[in-house]
């Protein structure tokens, strides 16, 4: 499976690394263009290549890993989603001021889904630092936990399968509205470095 990453910061590159560990190819993109990603792609290895946002958006699964205030520009001029799985790894924080975005009572992923008509949005990989997300999730006989929420059960199963193949344990929290449980700020789960036996 080919996974497109839109946003090549710490979380995007950590997700790319784990997707490769799970046996997938990745296309990494950012706002500065493929030429700016040569070093990052070299570190990821031969299953990674740099591309444009448009190329990343055409992959089998697309991962959004941009800063909240960059979301609209990151989604500009992309093809129709037509049932594609989109992984939302973002938290609604406006940088560099570290201000909390106004969500009008919705979760950030519900807002993301409203901007992606036809996409099947899955929220995950937003509760850990890039260092923890990108590190080996297996410790002795335990696996690091990632939380998953989304309104499409099949999409959650697919995304959870990728993460579990990389060594994570996933916990399904239900629909996107329940994403508030692992949304930062506000949810009780962000920052918890949990491990599951088995």
C-alpha atoms as a PDB file:
ATOM      1  CA  UNK A   1       0.000   0.000   0.000  1.00  0.00           C
ATOM      2  CA  UNK A   2       1.182   3.527  -0.743  1.00  0.00           C
ATOM      3  CA  UNK A   3       0.760   6.145   1.966  1.00  0.00           C
ATOM      4  CA  UNK A   4       0.964   9.871   1.240  1.00  0.00           C
ATOM      5  CA  UNK A   5       2.144  12.217   3.970  1.00  0.00           C
ATOM      6  CA  UNK A   6       1.127  15.875   3.750  1.00  0.00           C
ATOM      7  CA  UNK A   7       3.340  17.690   6.232  1.00  0.00           C
ATOM      8  CA  UNK A   8       6.946  16.711   6.848  1.00  0.00           C
ATOM      9  CA  UNK A   9       7.397  17.909  10.413  1.00  0.00           C
ATOM     10  CA  UNK A  10       8.144  15.639  13.328  1.00  0.00           C
ATOM     11  CA  UNK A  11       4.795  13.827  13.417  1.00  0.00           C
ATOM     12  CA  UNK A  12       4.585  13.374   9.648  1.00  0.00           C
ATOM     13  CA  UNK A  13       8.075  11.901   9.421  1.00  0.00           C
ATOM     14  CA  UNK A  14       7.497   9.693  12.480  1.00  0.00           C
ATOM     15  CA  UNK A  15       4.309   8.323  10.907  1.00  0.00           C
ATOM     16  CA  UNK A  16       6.178   7.772   7.630  1.00  0.00           C
ATOM     17  CA  UNK A  17       8.872   5.798   9.467  1.00  0.00           C
ATOM     18  CA  UNK A  18       6.315   3.562  11.157  1.00  0.00           C
ATOM     19  CA  UNK A  19       4.393   3.028   7.908  1.00  0.00           C
ATOM     20  CA  UNK A  20       7.638   1.876   6.288  1.00  0.00           C
ATOM     21  CA  UNK A  21       8.289  -0.393   9.264  1.00  0.00           C
ATOM     22  CA  UNK A  22       4.853  -1.892   8.605  1.00  0.00           C
ATOM     23  CA  UNK A  23       5.901  -2.680   5.022  1.00  0.00           C
ATOM     24  CA  UNK A  24       4.406   0.222   3.073  1.00  0.00           C
ATOM     25  CA  UNK A  25       5.795   2.787   0.639  1.00  0.00           C
ATOM     26  CA  UNK A  26       5.444   6.468   1.476  1.00  0.00           C
ATOM     27  CA  UNK A  27       5.347   9.744  -0.446  1.00  0.00           C
ATOM     28  CA  UNK A  28       6.370  12.651   1.770  1.00  0.00           C
ATOM     29  CA  UNK A  29       5.317  16.196   0.874  1.00  0.00           C
ATOM     30  CA  UNK A  30       5.394  19.670   2.345  1.00  0.00           C
ATOM     31  CA  UNK A  31       4.705  23.264   1.361  1.00  0.00           C
ATOM     32  CA  UNK A  32       8.287  23.904   0.215  1.00  0.00           C
ATOM     33  CA  UNK A  33       8.398  21.228  -2.468  1.00  0.00           C
ATOM     34  CA  UNK A  34      10.105  17.857  -2.998  1.00  0.00           C
ATOM     35  CA  UNK A  35      13.611  19.296  -3.298  1.00  0.00           C
ATOM     36  CA  UNK A  36      13.486  20.391   0.344  1.00  0.00           C
ATOM     37  CA  UNK A  37      12.903  16.811   1.507  1.00  0.00           C
ATOM     38  CA  UNK A  38      16.012  15.092   0.141  1.00  0.00           C
ATOM     39  CA  UNK A  39      17.663  14.631   3.537  1.00  0.00           C
ATOM     40  CA  UNK A  40      14.468  13.437   5.228  1.00  0.00           C
ATOM     41  CA  UNK A  41      13.769  10.889   2.501  1.00  0.00           C
ATOM     42  CA  UNK A  42      17.364   9.648   2.635  1.00  0.00           C
ATOM     43  CA  UNK A  43      16.943   8.939   6.356  1.00  0.00           C
ATOM     44  CA  UNK A  44      13.674   7.103   5.752  1.00  0.00           C
ATOM     45  CA  UNK A  45      15.238   4.763   3.209  1.00  0.00           C
ATOM     46  CA  UNK A  46      14.377   3.389  -0.198  1.00  0.00           C
ATOM     47  CA  UNK A  47      10.668   2.861   0.503  1.00  0.00           C
ATOM     48  CA  UNK A  48      10.233   6.646   0.762  1.00  0.00           C
ATOM     49  CA  UNK A  49      10.245   9.328  -1.885  1.00  0.00           C
ATOM     50  CA  UNK A  50       9.553  13.042  -1.905  1.00  0.00           C
ATOM     51  CA  UNK A  51       6.596  14.352  -3.853  1.00  0.00           C
ATOM     52  CA  UNK A  52       4.171  17.210  -4.192  1.00  0.00           C
ATOM     53  CA  UNK A  53       1.029  17.541  -2.071  1.00  0.00           C
ATOM     54  CA  UNK A  54      -0.961  16.497  -5.126  1.00  0.00           C
ATOM     55  CA  UNK A  55       1.085  13.316  -5.500  1.00  0.00           C
ATOM     56  CA  UNK A  56       0.760  12.483  -1.808  1.00  0.00           C
ATOM     57  CA  UNK A  57      -3.008  13.011  -2.014  1.00  0.00           C
ATOM     58  CA  UNK A  58      -3.258  10.376  -4.747  1.00  0.00           C
ATOM     59  CA  UNK A  59      -1.808   7.631  -2.536  1.00  0.00           C
ATOM     60  CA  UNK A  60      -4.005   4.826  -1.183  1.00  0.00           C
ATOM     61  CA  UNK A  61      -4.112   6.471   2.259  1.00  0.00           C
ATOM     62  CA  UNK A  62      -3.333  10.115   3.026  1.00  0.00           C
ATOM     63  CA  UNK A  63      -1.941  11.366   6.331  1.00  0.00           C
ATOM     64  CA  UNK A  64      -2.499  15.000   7.327  1.00  0.00           C
ATOM     65  CA  UNK A  65       0.293  16.213   9.600  1.00  0.00           C
ATOM     66  CA  UNK A  66       0.411  19.981   9.176  1.00  0.00           C
ATOM     67  CA  UNK A  67       0.025  22.722  11.735  1.00  0.00           C
ATOM     68  CA  UNK A  68      -3.600  23.679  12.291  1.00  0.00           C
ATOM     69  CA  UNK A  69      -3.287  27.131  10.728  1.00  0.00           C
ATOM     70  CA  UNK A  70      -1.815  25.538   7.566  1.00  0.00           C
ATOM     71  CA  UNK A  71      -4.718  23.178   7.014  1.00  0.00           C
ATOM     72  CA  UNK A  72      -6.611  25.222   4.411  1.00  0.00           C
ATOM     73  CA  UNK A  73      -3.528  25.858   2.282  1.00  0.00           C
ATOM     74  CA  UNK A  74      -2.441  22.220   2.601  1.00  0.00           C
ATOM     75  CA  UNK A  75      -5.790  21.077   1.202  1.00  0.00           C
ATOM     76  CA  UNK A  76      -5.960  23.623  -1.617  1.00  0.00           C
ATOM     77  CA  UNK A  77      -6.169  22.268  -5.182  1.00  0.00           C
ATOM     78  CA  UNK A  78      -6.186  18.612  -4.182  1.00  0.00           C
ATOM     79  CA  UNK A  79      -8.221  16.005  -6.103  1.00  0.00           C
ATOM     80  CA  UNK A  80     -11.626  14.756  -4.929  1.00  0.00           C
ATOM     81  CA  UNK A  81     -11.432  12.326  -2.038  1.00  0.00           C
ATOM     82  CA  UNK A  82     -13.988   9.788  -3.291  1.00  0.00           C
ATOM     83  CA  UNK A  83     -13.939   7.453  -0.295  1.00  0.00           C
ATOM     84  CA  UNK A  84     -10.213   7.692   0.365  1.00  0.00           C
ATOM     85  CA  UNK A  85      -8.976   7.131   3.919  1.00  0.00           C
ATOM     86  CA  UNK A  86      -7.457  10.264   5.442  1.00  0.00           C
ATOM     87  CA  UNK A  87      -5.570  10.034   8.736  1.00  0.00           C
ATOM     88  CA  UNK A  88      -5.804  13.162  10.879  1.00  0.00           C
ATOM     89  CA  UNK A  89      -2.801  13.437  13.202  1.00  0.00           C
ATOM     90  CA  UNK A  90      -3.312  17.116  14.002  1.00  0.00           C
ATOM     91  CA  UNK A  91      -4.195  19.001  17.154  1.00  0.00           C
ATOM     92  CA  UNK A  92      -6.050  22.362  16.993  1.00  0.00           C
ATOM     93  CA  UNK A  93      -3.196  24.545  18.194  1.00  0.00           C
ATOM     94  CA  UNK A  94      -2.217  27.716  16.350  1.00  0.00           C
ATOM     95  CA  UNK A  95       1.544  28.071  16.244  1.00  0.00           C
ATOM     96  CA  UNK A  96       3.889  29.681  17.091  1.00  0.00           C
ATOM     97  CA  UNK A  97       1.682  31.497  19.616  1.00  0.00           C
ATOM     98  CA  UNK A  98       0.402  28.169  21.013  1.00  0.00           C
ATOM     99  CA  UNK A  99      -3.169  29.433  20.947  1.00  0.00           C
ATOM    100  CA  UNK A 100      -6.103  27.030  21.003  1.00  0.00           C
ATOM    101  CA  UNK A 101      -8.282  27.165  17.907  1.00  0.00           C
ATOM    102  CA  UNK A 102     -11.987  27.926  18.269  1.00  0.00           C
ATOM    103  CA  UNK A 103     -13.869  24.771  17.253  1.00  0.00           C
ATOM    104  CA  UNK A 104     -17.459  25.828  17.895  1.00  0.00           C
ATOM    105  CA  UNK A 105     -18.253  22.784  19.986  1.00  0.00           C
ATOM    106  CA  UNK A 106     -17.006  20.263  17.428  1.00  0.00           C
ATOM    107  CA  UNK A 107     -13.900  18.114  17.610  1.00  0.00           C
ATOM    108  CA  UNK A 108     -10.995  19.103  15.390  1.00  0.00           C
ATOM    109  CA  UNK A 109     -11.447  15.916  13.352  1.00  0.00           C
ATOM    110  CA  UNK A 110     -15.109  16.708  12.720  1.00  0.00           C
ATOM    111  CA  UNK A 111     -13.932  20.022  11.271  1.00  0.00           C
ATOM    112  CA  UNK A 112     -11.279  18.244   9.198  1.00  0.00           C
ATOM    113  CA  UNK A 113     -13.923  15.824   7.885  1.00  0.00           C
ATOM    114  CA  UNK A 114     -16.161  18.741   6.890  1.00  0.00           C
ATOM    115  CA  UNK A 115     -13.309  20.094   4.752  1.00  0.00           C
ATOM    116  CA  UNK A 116     -12.797  16.726   3.033  1.00  0.00           C
ATOM    117  CA  UNK A 117     -16.131  15.763   1.459  1.00  0.00           C
ATOM    118  CA  UNK A 118     -16.100  12.098   0.526  1.00  0.00           C
ATOM    119  CA  UNK A 119     -13.091  11.209   2.685  1.00  0.00           C
ATOM    120  CA  UNK A 120     -13.177   8.602   5.445  1.00  0.00           C
ATOM    121  CA  UNK A 121     -11.358  10.378   8.265  1.00  0.00           C
ATOM    122  CA  UNK A 122      -9.563   8.510  11.040  1.00  0.00           C
ATOM    123  CA  UNK A 123      -8.061  10.366  13.995  1.00  0.00           C
ATOM    124  CA  UNK A 124      -4.875   8.887  15.475  1.00  0.00           C
ATOM    125  CA  UNK A 125      -1.173   9.450  16.208  1.00  0.00           C
ATOM    126  CA  UNK A 126      -1.780  12.842  17.846  1.00  0.00           C
ATOM    127  CA  UNK A 127      -1.199  12.059  21.529  1.00  0.00           C
ATOM    128  CA  UNK A 128       2.551  11.345  21.536  1.00  0.00           C
ATOM    129  CA  UNK A 129       5.633  13.426  20.854  1.00  0.00           C
ATOM    130  CA  UNK A 130       7.341  12.828  17.506  1.00  0.00           C
ATOM    131  CA  UNK A 131      10.189  11.118  19.347  1.00  0.00           C
ATOM    132  CA  UNK A 132       7.876   8.589  20.988  1.00  0.00           C
ATOM    133  CA  UNK A 133       5.753   8.085  17.867  1.00  0.00           C
ATOM    134  CA  UNK A 134       8.856   7.397  15.799  1.00  0.00           C
ATOM    135  CA  UNK A 135      10.558   5.082  18.289  1.00  0.00           C
ATOM    136  CA  UNK A 136      10.187   1.310  18.609  1.00  0.00           C
ATOM    137  CA  UNK A 137       6.673   0.728  20.010  1.00  0.00           C
ATOM    138  CA  UNK A 138       7.537  -2.714  21.376  1.00  0.00           C
ATOM    139  CA  UNK A 139       8.999  -2.976  24.867  1.00  0.00           C
ATOM    140  CA  UNK A 140       9.559  -6.505  26.180  1.00  0.00           C
ATOM    141  CA  UNK A 141       6.098  -8.112  25.972  1.00  0.00           C
ATOM    142  CA  UNK A 142       4.199  -4.806  25.732  1.00  0.00           C
ATOM    143  CA  UNK A 143       3.225  -2.508  22.875  1.00  0.00           C
ATOM    144  CA  UNK A 144       2.815   1.276  22.919  1.00  0.00           C
ATOM    145  CA  UNK A 145      -0.810   2.417  22.675  1.00  0.00           C
ATOM    146  CA  UNK A 146      -2.299   4.652  20.017  1.00  0.00           C
ATOM    147  CA  UNK A 147      -5.924   5.766  20.147  1.00  0.00           C
ATOM    148  CA  UNK A 148      -8.140   5.667  17.067  1.00  0.00           C
ATOM    149  CA  UNK A 149     -11.493   7.316  16.370  1.00  0.00           C
ATOM    150  CA  UNK A 150     -13.573   7.644  13.229  1.00  0.00           C
ATOM    151  CA  UNK A 151     -17.057   7.230  11.798  1.00  0.00           C
ATOM    152  CA  UNK A 152     -16.100   4.550   9.257  1.00  0.00           C
ATOM    153  CA  UNK A 153     -15.398   1.161  10.850  1.00  0.00           C
ATOM    154  CA  UNK A 154     -13.586  -0.268   7.815  1.00  0.00           C
ATOM    155  CA  UNK A 155     -11.301   2.763   7.597  1.00  0.00           C
ATOM    156  CA  UNK A 156     -10.426   2.431  11.290  1.00  0.00           C
ATOM    157  CA  UNK A 157      -9.652  -1.254  10.782  1.00  0.00           C
ATOM    158  CA  UNK A 158      -7.315  -0.451   7.883  1.00  0.00           C
ATOM    159  CA  UNK A 159      -5.445   2.276   9.749  1.00  0.00           C
ATOM    160  CA  UNK A 160      -5.251   0.198  12.920  1.00  0.00           C
ATOM    161  CA  UNK A 161      -3.818  -2.666  10.864  1.00  0.00           C
ATOM    162  CA  UNK A 162      -0.981  -0.461   9.619  1.00  0.00           C
ATOM    163  CA  UNK A 163      -0.174   0.743  13.118  1.00  0.00           C
ATOM    164  CA  UNK A 164      -0.361  -2.728  14.613  1.00  0.00           C
ATOM    165  CA  UNK A 165       1.919  -4.122  11.893  1.00  0.00           C
ATOM    166  CA  UNK A 166       4.443  -1.494  13.009  1.00  0.00           C
ATOM    167  CA  UNK A 167       4.152  -2.817  16.574  1.00  0.00           C
ATOM    168  CA  UNK A 168       1.579  -0.515  18.193  1.00  0.00           C
ATOM    169  CA  UNK A 169      -1.514  -1.541  20.126  1.00  0.00           C
ATOM    170  CA  UNK A 170      -4.557   0.441  19.008  1.00  0.00           C
ATOM    171  CA  UNK A 171      -7.617   1.276  21.083  1.00  0.00           C
ATOM    172  CA  UNK A 172     -10.798   2.208  19.213  1.00  0.00           C
ATOM    173  CA  UNK A 173     -12.609   5.042  20.977  1.00  0.00           C
ATOM    174  CA  UNK A 174     -15.590   5.157  18.621  1.00  0.00           C
ATOM    175  CA  UNK A 175     -16.703   7.935  16.278  1.00  0.00           C
ATOM    176  CA  UNK A 176     -15.088  11.267  15.450  1.00  0.00           C
ATOM    177  CA  UNK A 177     -17.159  12.957  18.147  1.00  0.00           C
ATOM    178  CA  UNK A 178     -15.306  10.795  20.672  1.00  0.00           C
ATOM    179  CA  UNK A 179     -12.065  12.153  19.279  1.00  0.00           C
ATOM    180  CA  UNK A 180     -12.321  14.790  21.995  1.00  0.00           C
ATOM    181  CA  UNK A 181     -10.995  12.126  24.384  1.00  0.00           C
ATOM    182  CA  UNK A 182      -7.619  12.133  22.619  1.00  0.00           C
ATOM    183  CA  UNK A 183      -7.660  15.697  21.331  1.00  0.00           C
ATOM    184  CA  UNK A 184      -5.166  18.196  22.643  1.00  0.00           C
ATOM    185  CA  UNK A 185      -6.089  20.472  24.317  1.00  0.00           C
ATOM    186  CA  UNK A 186      -8.982  19.247  26.421  1.00  0.00           C
ATOM    187  CA  UNK A 187      -8.885  15.468  26.241  1.00  0.00           C
ATOM    188  CA  UNK A 188      -7.596  13.287  29.083  1.00  0.00           C
ATOM    189  CA  UNK A 189      -5.447  11.027  26.882  1.00  0.00           C
ATOM    190  CA  UNK A 190      -2.822  13.209  25.115  1.00  0.00           C
ATOM    191  CA  UNK A 191       0.662  12.860  26.546  1.00  0.00           C
ATOM    192  CA  UNK A 192       0.027   9.473  28.122  1.00  0.00           C
ATOM    193  CA  UNK A 193       2.746   7.025  27.075  1.00  0.00           C
ATOM    194  CA  UNK A 194       0.769   3.853  27.703  1.00  0.00           C
ATOM    195  CA  UNK A 195       1.721   0.241  26.969  1.00  0.00           C
ATOM    196  CA  UNK A 196      -0.526  -2.760  26.529  1.00  0.00           C
ATOM    197  CA  UNK A 197       0.418  -6.312  27.479  1.00  0.00           C
ATOM    198  CA  UNK A 198       0.480  -8.841  24.693  1.00  0.00           C
END
